[in-house]
């Protein structure tokens, strides 16, 4: 992690407890998803506000629900911030085959009514976007025709310009994510 921090953060920006600042912020790769309401979700839905992206899937037995519960706690810790600075939490599904918009709606809303779930509906498109974000995705077939999806548990902070501003790897801790998030937002020039 220290090497990646040295390579990505050459800004002399805010001191962060765990996250790695990306300076200058990097544009996100092209994306064409649908949200849990069946509405198009692309780069324009990430502009005008701060977002936290997490890659996961609804059939995940442990890491995904744990991380989403943690992000719901982070969201609560940040309620004292101005509304335009609070993050929108977005689950990017890495399981296009099973994670329909309807399933995502039920799943993400069980963590917070404000969370958004998105899917590409096509596994190749999901994996292409994930790869460009630096998130490895591997499908592992299980006995009985079932499968699981292995993926990174990193979280990504996207600024109001829709650009990648920071990332944080595991292990995740609520107070550290909240503290780093506040520092990142406070250091962002208003544009």
N, C-alpha and C. Protein backbone atom coordinates (compact mmCIF):
# COMPACT_ATOMS: atom_id res chain seq x y z
N UNK A 1 0.82 -1.18 0.00
CA UNK A 1 0.00 0.00 0.00
C UNK A 1 0.87 1.26 0.00
N UNK A 2 1.98 1.23 0.66
CA UNK A 2 2.84 2.41 0.69
C UNK A 2 3.36 2.75 -0.69
N UNK A 3 3.74 1.73 -1.48
CA UNK A 3 4.22 1.98 -2.83
C UNK A 3 3.11 2.60 -3.67
N UNK A 4 1.88 2.05 -3.60
CA UNK A 4 0.79 2.62 -4.40
C UNK A 4 0.50 4.04 -3.96
N UNK A 5 0.57 4.32 -2.67
CA UNK A 5 0.35 5.68 -2.19
C UNK A 5 1.41 6.61 -2.76
N UNK A 6 2.65 6.18 -2.78
CA UNK A 6 3.74 7.01 -3.30
C UNK A 6 3.57 7.26 -4.79
N UNK A 7 3.09 6.25 -5.54
CA UNK A 7 2.92 6.40 -6.97
C UNK A 7 1.71 7.25 -7.33
N UNK A 8 0.63 7.14 -6.56
CA UNK A 8 -0.59 7.85 -6.88
C UNK A 8 -0.66 9.25 -6.31
N UNK A 9 -0.10 9.47 -5.14
CA UNK A 9 -0.25 10.75 -4.46
C UNK A 9 1.07 11.50 -4.46
N UNK A 10 1.17 12.43 -5.37
CA UNK A 10 2.37 13.27 -5.44
C UNK A 10 1.99 14.73 -5.18
N UNK A 11 0.87 14.93 -4.52
CA UNK A 11 0.30 16.26 -4.44
C UNK A 11 0.71 17.06 -3.22
N UNK A 12 1.13 16.38 -2.18
CA UNK A 12 1.29 17.10 -0.93
C UNK A 12 -0.08 17.48 -0.40
N UNK A 13 -1.13 16.75 -0.81
CA UNK A 13 -2.51 17.02 -0.41
C UNK A 13 -2.73 16.67 1.04
N UNK A 14 -3.99 16.41 1.41
CA UNK A 14 -4.31 16.14 2.80
C UNK A 14 -3.62 14.87 3.30
N UNK A 15 -3.33 14.87 4.59
CA UNK A 15 -2.79 13.66 5.20
C UNK A 15 -3.96 12.74 5.51
N UNK A 16 -3.89 11.54 4.99
CA UNK A 16 -4.98 10.58 5.15
C UNK A 16 -4.52 9.42 6.02
N UNK A 17 -5.41 8.91 6.84
CA UNK A 17 -5.07 7.80 7.73
C UNK A 17 -4.85 6.51 6.96
N UNK A 18 -5.67 6.25 5.93
CA UNK A 18 -5.56 4.98 5.22
C UNK A 18 -5.76 5.10 3.72
N UNK A 19 -6.65 5.98 3.30
CA UNK A 19 -6.97 6.10 1.88
C UNK A 19 -5.77 6.63 1.10
N UNK A 20 -5.78 6.34 -0.19
CA UNK A 20 -4.77 6.86 -1.10
C UNK A 20 -5.41 7.93 -1.97
N UNK A 21 -4.89 9.14 -1.86
CA UNK A 21 -5.40 10.25 -2.66
C UNK A 21 -4.88 10.11 -4.09
N UNK A 22 -5.73 10.35 -5.04
CA UNK A 22 -5.33 10.33 -6.45
C UNK A 22 -5.35 11.78 -6.91
N UNK A 23 -4.14 12.30 -7.17
CA UNK A 23 -4.02 13.70 -7.52
C UNK A 23 -3.02 13.86 -8.66
N UNK A 24 -3.47 14.30 -9.81
CA UNK A 24 -4.81 14.81 -10.06
C UNK A 24 -5.83 13.67 -10.13
N UNK A 25 -7.08 14.02 -9.87
CA UNK A 25 -8.16 13.04 -9.96
C UNK A 25 -8.20 12.48 -11.37
N UNK A 26 -8.58 11.22 -11.49
CA UNK A 26 -8.60 10.54 -12.80
C UNK A 26 -10.02 10.33 -13.29
N UNK A 27 -10.25 10.61 -14.56
CA UNK A 27 -11.59 10.34 -15.11
C UNK A 27 -11.91 8.86 -14.98
N UNK A 28 -13.18 8.55 -14.76
CA UNK A 28 -13.60 7.16 -14.71
C UNK A 28 -13.66 6.60 -16.13
N UNK A 29 -13.47 5.30 -16.26
CA UNK A 29 -13.63 4.70 -17.59
C UNK A 29 -15.09 4.78 -18.04
N UNK A 30 -15.33 4.64 -19.33
CA UNK A 30 -16.72 4.67 -19.82
C UNK A 30 -17.57 3.63 -19.08
N UNK A 31 -18.81 4.00 -18.82
CA UNK A 31 -19.70 3.09 -18.12
C UNK A 31 -21.12 3.27 -18.64
N UNK A 32 -21.84 2.16 -18.77
CA UNK A 32 -23.25 2.19 -19.19
C UNK A 32 -23.98 1.12 -18.38
N UNK A 33 -24.52 1.53 -17.25
CA UNK A 33 -25.21 0.64 -16.33
C UNK A 33 -26.68 1.02 -16.26
N UNK A 34 -27.45 0.24 -15.53
CA UNK A 34 -28.80 0.61 -15.12
C UNK A 34 -28.85 0.51 -13.61
N UNK A 35 -29.66 1.38 -13.00
CA UNK A 35 -29.75 1.34 -11.55
C UNK A 35 -30.86 0.39 -11.11
N UNK A 36 -31.08 0.34 -9.81
CA UNK A 36 -32.06 -0.59 -9.25
C UNK A 36 -33.50 -0.26 -9.66
N UNK A 37 -33.71 0.91 -10.23
CA UNK A 37 -35.04 1.28 -10.73
C UNK A 37 -35.16 1.08 -12.24
N UNK A 38 -34.12 0.49 -12.85
CA UNK A 38 -34.12 0.26 -14.28
C UNK A 38 -33.77 1.48 -15.11
N UNK A 39 -33.30 2.54 -14.45
CA UNK A 39 -32.95 3.78 -15.15
C UNK A 39 -31.48 3.75 -15.57
N UNK A 40 -31.15 4.38 -16.71
CA UNK A 40 -29.74 4.42 -17.13
C UNK A 40 -28.87 5.06 -16.05
N UNK A 41 -27.68 4.51 -15.88
CA UNK A 41 -26.72 5.05 -14.91
C UNK A 41 -25.36 5.10 -15.60
N UNK A 42 -24.91 6.31 -15.87
CA UNK A 42 -23.62 6.52 -16.51
C UNK A 42 -22.84 7.57 -15.77
N UNK A 43 -21.79 8.09 -16.38
CA UNK A 43 -20.95 9.08 -15.72
C UNK A 43 -21.71 10.32 -15.23
N UNK A 44 -22.75 10.71 -15.96
CA UNK A 44 -23.50 11.91 -15.57
C UNK A 44 -24.19 11.75 -14.21
N UNK A 45 -24.51 10.52 -13.81
CA UNK A 45 -25.14 10.30 -12.51
C UNK A 45 -24.13 10.43 -11.35
N UNK A 46 -22.86 10.54 -11.67
CA UNK A 46 -21.82 10.70 -10.65
C UNK A 46 -21.33 12.14 -10.57
N UNK A 47 -21.93 13.02 -11.34
CA UNK A 47 -21.50 14.42 -11.34
C UNK A 47 -22.41 15.26 -10.45
N UNK A 48 -21.82 16.29 -9.85
CA UNK A 48 -22.59 17.22 -9.04
C UNK A 48 -22.67 16.86 -7.57
N UNK A 49 -22.08 15.74 -7.19
CA UNK A 49 -22.08 15.32 -5.80
C UNK A 49 -20.94 14.32 -5.59
N UNK A 50 -20.60 14.07 -4.35
CA UNK A 50 -19.58 13.08 -4.00
C UNK A 50 -20.20 11.68 -4.00
N UNK A 51 -19.42 10.69 -4.38
CA UNK A 51 -19.90 9.31 -4.38
C UNK A 51 -18.84 8.39 -3.81
N UNK A 52 -19.28 7.29 -3.26
CA UNK A 52 -18.40 6.18 -2.88
C UNK A 52 -18.88 4.97 -3.64
N UNK A 53 -17.98 4.37 -4.44
CA UNK A 53 -18.30 3.16 -5.20
C UNK A 53 -17.70 1.95 -4.51
N UNK A 54 -18.48 0.89 -4.47
CA UNK A 54 -18.00 -0.39 -3.95
C UNK A 54 -18.46 -1.47 -4.92
N UNK A 55 -17.57 -2.36 -5.31
CA UNK A 55 -17.89 -3.45 -6.21
C UNK A 55 -18.27 -4.67 -5.38
N UNK A 56 -19.41 -5.27 -5.69
CA UNK A 56 -19.85 -6.43 -4.93
C UNK A 56 -21.00 -7.13 -5.65
N UNK A 57 -21.67 -8.05 -4.93
CA UNK A 57 -22.81 -8.75 -5.51
C UNK A 57 -23.75 -9.23 -4.42
N UNK A 58 -25.00 -9.38 -4.77
CA UNK A 58 -26.04 -9.64 -3.78
C UNK A 58 -25.99 -11.04 -3.19
N UNK A 59 -25.38 -11.98 -3.86
CA UNK A 59 -25.28 -13.35 -3.34
C UNK A 59 -24.02 -13.56 -2.51
N UNK A 60 -23.26 -12.52 -2.30
CA UNK A 60 -22.02 -12.60 -1.52
C UNK A 60 -22.35 -13.01 -0.09
N UNK A 61 -21.64 -14.01 0.44
CA UNK A 61 -21.98 -14.50 1.77
C UNK A 61 -21.40 -13.68 2.92
N UNK A 62 -20.37 -12.86 2.67
CA UNK A 62 -19.73 -12.22 3.81
C UNK A 62 -19.18 -10.83 3.56
N UNK A 63 -18.22 -10.66 2.70
CA UNK A 63 -17.53 -9.37 2.53
C UNK A 63 -18.47 -8.27 2.06
N UNK A 64 -19.30 -8.54 1.09
CA UNK A 64 -20.18 -7.48 0.54
C UNK A 64 -21.18 -6.98 1.58
N UNK A 65 -21.93 -7.87 2.24
CA UNK A 65 -22.87 -7.33 3.23
C UNK A 65 -22.16 -6.64 4.40
N UNK A 66 -21.00 -7.15 4.76
CA UNK A 66 -20.23 -6.51 5.84
C UNK A 66 -19.79 -5.11 5.43
N UNK A 67 -19.29 -4.98 4.20
CA UNK A 67 -18.82 -3.67 3.72
C UNK A 67 -19.97 -2.70 3.54
N UNK A 68 -21.10 -3.16 3.01
CA UNK A 68 -22.25 -2.27 2.85
C UNK A 68 -22.81 -1.83 4.20
N UNK A 69 -22.81 -2.71 5.19
CA UNK A 69 -23.24 -2.32 6.54
C UNK A 69 -22.28 -1.28 7.11
N UNK A 70 -21.01 -1.47 6.86
CA UNK A 70 -19.99 -0.51 7.31
C UNK A 70 -20.20 0.84 6.61
N UNK A 71 -20.47 0.82 5.30
CA UNK A 71 -20.70 2.08 4.57
C UNK A 71 -21.97 2.77 5.05
N UNK A 72 -22.97 2.01 5.49
CA UNK A 72 -24.17 2.62 6.08
C UNK A 72 -23.80 3.35 7.37
N UNK A 73 -22.89 2.78 8.15
CA UNK A 73 -22.42 3.45 9.37
C UNK A 73 -21.62 4.70 9.03
N UNK A 74 -20.79 4.62 7.98
CA UNK A 74 -20.03 5.80 7.54
C UNK A 74 -21.00 6.90 7.13
N UNK A 75 -22.02 6.53 6.37
CA UNK A 75 -23.03 7.50 5.94
C UNK A 75 -23.63 8.21 7.15
N UNK A 76 -23.95 7.48 8.20
CA UNK A 76 -24.52 8.07 9.42
C UNK A 76 -23.52 9.00 10.11
N UNK A 77 -22.24 8.64 10.10
CA UNK A 77 -21.21 9.48 10.74
C UNK A 77 -21.02 10.81 10.00
N UNK A 78 -21.44 10.85 8.74
CA UNK A 78 -21.22 12.04 7.92
C UNK A 78 -22.47 12.91 7.78
N UNK A 79 -23.52 12.62 8.53
CA UNK A 79 -24.76 13.38 8.39
C UNK A 79 -24.63 14.84 8.82
N UNK A 80 -23.58 15.17 9.57
CA UNK A 80 -23.38 16.56 9.98
C UNK A 80 -22.74 17.41 8.88
N UNK A 81 -22.31 16.79 7.79
CA UNK A 81 -21.73 17.54 6.68
C UNK A 81 -22.86 18.17 5.85
N UNK A 82 -22.56 19.26 5.12
CA UNK A 82 -23.57 19.81 4.22
C UNK A 82 -24.03 18.74 3.22
N UNK A 83 -25.30 18.77 2.85
CA UNK A 83 -25.88 17.74 1.98
C UNK A 83 -25.07 17.51 0.71
N UNK A 84 -24.56 18.60 0.10
CA UNK A 84 -23.81 18.44 -1.16
C UNK A 84 -22.44 17.78 -0.96
N UNK A 85 -22.00 17.66 0.27
CA UNK A 85 -20.71 17.01 0.55
C UNK A 85 -20.86 15.57 1.02
N UNK A 86 -22.06 15.16 1.40
CA UNK A 86 -22.26 13.78 1.85
C UNK A 86 -22.19 12.84 0.65
N UNK A 87 -21.60 11.67 0.85
CA UNK A 87 -21.43 10.76 -0.30
C UNK A 87 -22.70 10.01 -0.66
N UNK A 88 -22.87 9.77 -1.95
CA UNK A 88 -23.88 8.85 -2.44
C UNK A 88 -23.17 7.50 -2.53
N UNK A 89 -23.71 6.49 -1.90
CA UNK A 89 -23.08 5.16 -1.89
C UNK A 89 -23.66 4.36 -3.05
N UNK A 90 -22.75 3.80 -3.88
CA UNK A 90 -23.17 3.05 -5.07
C UNK A 90 -22.52 1.67 -5.05
N UNK A 91 -23.36 0.62 -5.08
CA UNK A 91 -22.88 -0.75 -5.25
C UNK A 91 -22.84 -1.06 -6.73
N UNK A 92 -21.65 -1.35 -7.25
CA UNK A 92 -21.48 -1.75 -8.64
C UNK A 92 -21.47 -3.27 -8.66
N UNK A 93 -22.52 -3.88 -9.20
CA UNK A 93 -22.62 -5.34 -9.19
C UNK A 93 -21.59 -5.96 -10.13
N UNK A 94 -20.92 -6.99 -9.61
CA UNK A 94 -19.97 -7.76 -10.44
C UNK A 94 -20.59 -9.09 -10.84
N UNK A 95 -21.91 -9.23 -10.67
CA UNK A 95 -22.63 -10.46 -11.00
C UNK A 95 -23.84 -10.12 -11.86
N UNK A 96 -23.56 -9.83 -13.13
CA UNK A 96 -24.62 -9.38 -14.04
C UNK A 96 -25.69 -10.44 -14.27
N UNK A 97 -25.33 -11.69 -14.15
CA UNK A 97 -26.28 -12.77 -14.43
C UNK A 97 -27.40 -12.82 -13.39
N UNK A 98 -27.06 -12.66 -12.12
CA UNK A 98 -28.07 -12.81 -11.06
C UNK A 98 -28.57 -11.48 -10.51
N UNK A 99 -27.77 -10.44 -10.57
CA UNK A 99 -28.15 -9.17 -9.95
C UNK A 99 -28.98 -8.31 -10.90
N UNK A 100 -30.26 -8.61 -10.94
CA UNK A 100 -31.20 -7.82 -11.72
C UNK A 100 -31.46 -6.50 -11.00
N UNK A 101 -32.00 -5.51 -11.68
CA UNK A 101 -32.35 -4.27 -10.99
C UNK A 101 -33.28 -4.52 -9.80
N UNK A 102 -34.25 -5.42 -9.95
CA UNK A 102 -35.19 -5.70 -8.87
C UNK A 102 -34.47 -6.29 -7.66
N UNK A 103 -33.57 -7.21 -7.90
CA UNK A 103 -32.82 -7.83 -6.79
C UNK A 103 -31.92 -6.78 -6.13
N UNK A 104 -31.26 -5.95 -6.93
CA UNK A 104 -30.42 -4.89 -6.37
C UNK A 104 -31.23 -3.92 -5.52
N UNK A 105 -32.44 -3.58 -5.97
CA UNK A 105 -33.28 -2.64 -5.21
C UNK A 105 -33.55 -3.18 -3.81
N UNK A 106 -33.95 -4.42 -3.74
CA UNK A 106 -34.24 -5.04 -2.45
C UNK A 106 -32.98 -5.09 -1.59
N UNK A 107 -31.86 -5.46 -2.19
CA UNK A 107 -30.62 -5.66 -1.46
C UNK A 107 -30.05 -4.35 -0.91
N UNK A 108 -29.82 -3.35 -1.76
CA UNK A 108 -29.16 -2.13 -1.29
C UNK A 108 -30.03 -1.36 -0.31
N UNK A 109 -31.34 -1.38 -0.50
CA UNK A 109 -32.23 -0.64 0.39
C UNK A 109 -32.28 -1.29 1.78
N UNK A 110 -31.86 -2.54 1.90
CA UNK A 110 -31.81 -3.17 3.23
C UNK A 110 -30.67 -2.60 4.07
N UNK A 111 -29.72 -1.93 3.43
CA UNK A 111 -28.61 -1.30 4.15
C UNK A 111 -28.89 0.18 4.41
N UNK A 112 -29.42 0.87 3.40
CA UNK A 112 -29.77 2.28 3.54
C UNK A 112 -30.74 2.65 2.43
N UNK A 113 -31.75 3.44 2.75
CA UNK A 113 -32.70 3.84 1.71
C UNK A 113 -32.07 4.75 0.65
N UNK A 114 -30.89 5.29 0.94
CA UNK A 114 -30.24 6.20 -0.01
C UNK A 114 -29.26 5.49 -0.94
N UNK A 115 -28.92 4.23 -0.67
CA UNK A 115 -27.94 3.52 -1.49
C UNK A 115 -28.50 3.26 -2.89
N UNK A 116 -27.59 3.21 -3.85
CA UNK A 116 -27.93 2.89 -5.23
C UNK A 116 -27.18 1.62 -5.63
N UNK A 117 -27.87 0.74 -6.33
CA UNK A 117 -27.23 -0.45 -6.90
C UNK A 117 -27.28 -0.36 -8.40
N UNK A 118 -26.17 -0.70 -9.07
CA UNK A 118 -26.15 -0.64 -10.54
C UNK A 118 -25.61 -1.94 -11.12
N UNK A 119 -26.09 -2.27 -12.31
CA UNK A 119 -25.65 -3.46 -13.03
C UNK A 119 -25.56 -3.13 -14.51
N UNK A 120 -24.69 -3.84 -15.19
CA UNK A 120 -24.58 -3.65 -16.64
C UNK A 120 -25.49 -4.62 -17.39
N UNK A 121 -25.97 -5.65 -16.71
CA UNK A 121 -26.80 -6.63 -17.39
C UNK A 121 -26.00 -7.56 -18.28
N UNK A 122 -24.71 -7.31 -18.43
CA UNK A 122 -23.83 -8.12 -19.28
C UNK A 122 -22.52 -8.32 -18.53
N UNK A 123 -22.16 -9.56 -18.24
CA UNK A 123 -20.98 -9.83 -17.43
C UNK A 123 -19.70 -9.29 -18.07
N UNK A 124 -19.57 -9.39 -19.38
CA UNK A 124 -18.35 -8.89 -20.04
C UNK A 124 -18.21 -7.38 -19.83
N UNK A 125 -19.32 -6.64 -19.90
CA UNK A 125 -19.27 -5.18 -19.70
C UNK A 125 -18.90 -4.84 -18.26
N UNK A 126 -19.45 -5.60 -17.31
CA UNK A 126 -19.12 -5.40 -15.89
C UNK A 126 -17.63 -5.63 -15.68
N UNK A 127 -17.14 -6.74 -16.19
CA UNK A 127 -15.73 -7.08 -15.98
C UNK A 127 -14.80 -6.09 -16.67
N UNK A 128 -15.20 -5.57 -17.82
CA UNK A 128 -14.37 -4.58 -18.52
C UNK A 128 -14.26 -3.30 -17.69
N UNK A 129 -15.39 -2.82 -17.16
CA UNK A 129 -15.38 -1.62 -16.32
C UNK A 129 -14.56 -1.87 -15.06
N UNK A 130 -14.79 -3.01 -14.42
CA UNK A 130 -14.06 -3.33 -13.19
C UNK A 130 -12.56 -3.39 -13.46
N UNK A 131 -12.16 -4.02 -14.53
CA UNK A 131 -10.73 -4.13 -14.86
C UNK A 131 -10.13 -2.74 -15.06
N UNK A 132 -10.83 -1.86 -15.74
CA UNK A 132 -10.32 -0.50 -15.96
C UNK A 132 -10.25 0.29 -14.67
N UNK A 133 -11.05 -0.11 -13.66
CA UNK A 133 -11.00 0.53 -12.34
C UNK A 133 -9.95 -0.14 -11.44
N UNK A 134 -9.33 -1.22 -11.93
CA UNK A 134 -8.33 -1.92 -11.13
C UNK A 134 -8.94 -2.92 -10.16
N UNK A 135 -10.15 -3.38 -10.45
CA UNK A 135 -10.85 -4.34 -9.60
C UNK A 135 -10.85 -5.70 -10.30
N UNK A 136 -10.08 -6.65 -9.78
CA UNK A 136 -10.11 -7.99 -10.39
C UNK A 136 -11.44 -8.67 -10.07
N UNK A 137 -11.98 -9.39 -11.06
CA UNK A 137 -13.22 -10.14 -10.90
C UNK A 137 -12.98 -11.54 -11.45
N UNK A 138 -13.30 -12.57 -10.66
CA UNK A 138 -13.14 -13.95 -11.11
C UNK A 138 -14.35 -14.76 -10.67
N UNK A 139 -14.98 -15.42 -11.62
CA UNK A 139 -16.13 -16.28 -11.32
C UNK A 139 -15.61 -17.68 -11.04
N UNK A 140 -16.03 -18.23 -9.90
CA UNK A 140 -15.62 -19.59 -9.50
C UNK A 140 -16.85 -20.47 -9.46
N UNK A 141 -16.85 -21.47 -10.35
CA UNK A 141 -17.98 -22.41 -10.39
C UNK A 141 -17.98 -23.25 -9.12
N UNK A 142 -19.18 -23.54 -8.62
CA UNK A 142 -19.37 -24.33 -7.41
C UNK A 142 -20.12 -25.62 -7.75
N UNK A 143 -20.07 -26.61 -6.90
CA UNK A 143 -20.86 -27.83 -7.14
C UNK A 143 -22.34 -27.50 -7.27
N UNK A 144 -23.03 -28.24 -8.12
CA UNK A 144 -24.46 -28.04 -8.29
C UNK A 144 -24.81 -26.93 -9.26
N UNK A 145 -23.83 -26.40 -9.99
CA UNK A 145 -24.11 -25.38 -10.97
C UNK A 145 -24.14 -23.96 -10.43
N UNK A 146 -23.91 -23.79 -9.15
CA UNK A 146 -23.87 -22.46 -8.57
C UNK A 146 -22.48 -21.86 -8.80
N UNK A 147 -22.29 -20.63 -8.45
CA UNK A 147 -20.99 -19.99 -8.59
C UNK A 147 -20.87 -18.86 -7.59
N UNK A 148 -19.65 -18.45 -7.36
CA UNK A 148 -19.39 -17.26 -6.55
C UNK A 148 -18.51 -16.33 -7.36
N UNK A 149 -18.43 -15.10 -6.94
CA UNK A 149 -17.64 -14.12 -7.66
C UNK A 149 -16.62 -13.52 -6.71
N UNK A 150 -15.37 -13.68 -7.05
CA UNK A 150 -14.30 -13.09 -6.25
C UNK A 150 -13.96 -11.73 -6.84
N UNK A 151 -13.70 -10.75 -5.94
CA UNK A 151 -13.42 -9.39 -6.40
C UNK A 151 -12.72 -8.63 -5.29
N UNK A 152 -12.15 -7.51 -5.64
CA UNK A 152 -11.51 -6.62 -4.66
C UNK A 152 -12.58 -5.99 -3.78
N UNK A 153 -12.23 -5.71 -2.54
CA UNK A 153 -13.15 -5.04 -1.62
C UNK A 153 -12.77 -3.58 -1.41
N UNK A 154 -11.99 -3.02 -2.31
CA UNK A 154 -11.62 -1.60 -2.21
C UNK A 154 -12.85 -0.72 -2.38
N UNK A 155 -12.78 0.45 -1.77
CA UNK A 155 -13.83 1.45 -2.00
C UNK A 155 -13.19 2.64 -2.71
N UNK A 156 -13.98 3.29 -3.56
CA UNK A 156 -13.49 4.36 -4.41
C UNK A 156 -14.27 5.63 -4.13
N UNK A 157 -13.58 6.73 -3.92
CA UNK A 157 -14.21 8.03 -3.72
C UNK A 157 -14.18 8.78 -5.05
N UNK A 158 -15.37 9.19 -5.49
CA UNK A 158 -15.52 9.91 -6.76
C UNK A 158 -15.96 11.34 -6.43
N UNK A 159 -15.26 12.29 -7.02
CA UNK A 159 -15.54 13.70 -6.71
C UNK A 159 -16.73 14.23 -7.53
N UNK A 160 -17.19 15.45 -7.26
CA UNK A 160 -18.36 15.98 -7.97
C UNK A 160 -18.16 16.18 -9.47
N UNK A 161 -16.93 16.11 -9.94
CA UNK A 161 -16.68 16.17 -11.38
C UNK A 161 -16.80 14.79 -12.02
N UNK A 162 -17.09 13.77 -11.22
CA UNK A 162 -17.21 12.41 -11.73
C UNK A 162 -15.86 11.76 -11.95
N UNK A 163 -14.84 12.20 -11.22
CA UNK A 163 -13.49 11.66 -11.37
C UNK A 163 -13.07 10.93 -10.10
N UNK A 164 -12.24 9.91 -10.27
CA UNK A 164 -11.74 9.13 -9.16
C UNK A 164 -10.77 9.97 -8.35
N UNK A 165 -11.09 10.17 -7.06
CA UNK A 165 -10.30 11.06 -6.21
C UNK A 165 -9.47 10.31 -5.19
N UNK A 166 -9.95 9.13 -4.72
CA UNK A 166 -9.22 8.37 -3.71
C UNK A 166 -9.72 6.93 -3.72
N UNK A 167 -8.90 6.06 -3.13
CA UNK A 167 -9.32 4.68 -2.93
C UNK A 167 -8.81 4.22 -1.58
N UNK A 168 -9.51 3.24 -1.05
CA UNK A 168 -9.15 2.69 0.24
C UNK A 168 -9.30 1.18 0.19
N UNK A 169 -8.25 0.49 0.61
CA UNK A 169 -8.27 -0.97 0.63
C UNK A 169 -8.64 -1.47 2.01
N UNK A 170 -8.88 -2.76 2.10
CA UNK A 170 -9.21 -3.38 3.38
C UNK A 170 -7.98 -3.47 4.26
N UNK A 171 -8.15 -3.63 5.55
CA UNK A 171 -9.43 -3.72 6.26
C UNK A 171 -10.04 -2.35 6.44
N UNK A 172 -11.36 -2.30 6.29
CA UNK A 172 -12.09 -1.05 6.41
C UNK A 172 -12.53 -0.84 7.86
N UNK A 173 -12.46 0.42 8.30
CA UNK A 173 -12.93 0.78 9.64
C UNK A 173 -13.73 2.07 9.51
N UNK A 174 -14.90 2.08 10.11
CA UNK A 174 -15.82 3.21 9.99
C UNK A 174 -15.16 4.55 10.34
N UNK A 175 -14.53 4.69 11.53
CA UNK A 175 -13.99 6.02 11.86
C UNK A 175 -12.90 6.48 10.89
N UNK A 176 -12.10 5.54 10.40
CA UNK A 176 -11.00 5.90 9.49
C UNK A 176 -11.55 6.32 8.13
N UNK A 177 -12.52 5.58 7.62
CA UNK A 177 -13.11 5.96 6.33
C UNK A 177 -13.75 7.34 6.45
N UNK A 178 -14.50 7.57 7.51
CA UNK A 178 -15.17 8.86 7.70
C UNK A 178 -14.15 9.99 7.83
N UNK A 179 -13.10 9.77 8.60
CA UNK A 179 -12.06 10.80 8.78
C UNK A 179 -11.37 11.11 7.45
N UNK A 180 -10.97 10.06 6.73
CA UNK A 180 -10.32 10.28 5.43
C UNK A 180 -11.26 10.98 4.45
N UNK A 181 -12.52 10.57 4.45
CA UNK A 181 -13.49 11.18 3.54
C UNK A 181 -13.61 12.69 3.81
N UNK A 182 -13.73 13.05 5.08
CA UNK A 182 -13.82 14.47 5.44
C UNK A 182 -12.59 15.24 4.95
N UNK A 183 -11.41 14.65 5.11
CA UNK A 183 -10.17 15.31 4.68
C UNK A 183 -10.12 15.47 3.17
N UNK A 184 -10.56 14.45 2.45
CA UNK A 184 -10.57 14.50 0.99
C UNK A 184 -11.51 15.60 0.49
N UNK A 185 -12.72 15.64 1.05
CA UNK A 185 -13.70 16.64 0.65
C UNK A 185 -13.21 18.05 1.00
N UNK A 186 -12.65 18.22 2.19
CA UNK A 186 -12.18 19.54 2.62
C UNK A 186 -11.06 20.05 1.73
N UNK A 187 -10.24 19.15 1.18
CA UNK A 187 -9.11 19.55 0.35
C UNK A 187 -9.48 19.78 -1.10
N UNK A 188 -10.69 19.39 -1.52
CA UNK A 188 -11.09 19.51 -2.90
C UNK A 188 -11.41 20.95 -3.24
N UNK A 189 -10.76 21.52 -4.23
CA UNK A 189 -11.10 22.88 -4.62
C UNK A 189 -12.52 22.92 -5.19
N UNK A 190 -13.22 23.99 -4.92
CA UNK A 190 -14.58 24.15 -5.45
C UNK A 190 -14.47 24.55 -6.91
N UNK A 191 -15.19 23.82 -7.76
CA UNK A 191 -15.14 24.14 -9.21
C UNK A 191 -16.49 24.40 -9.77
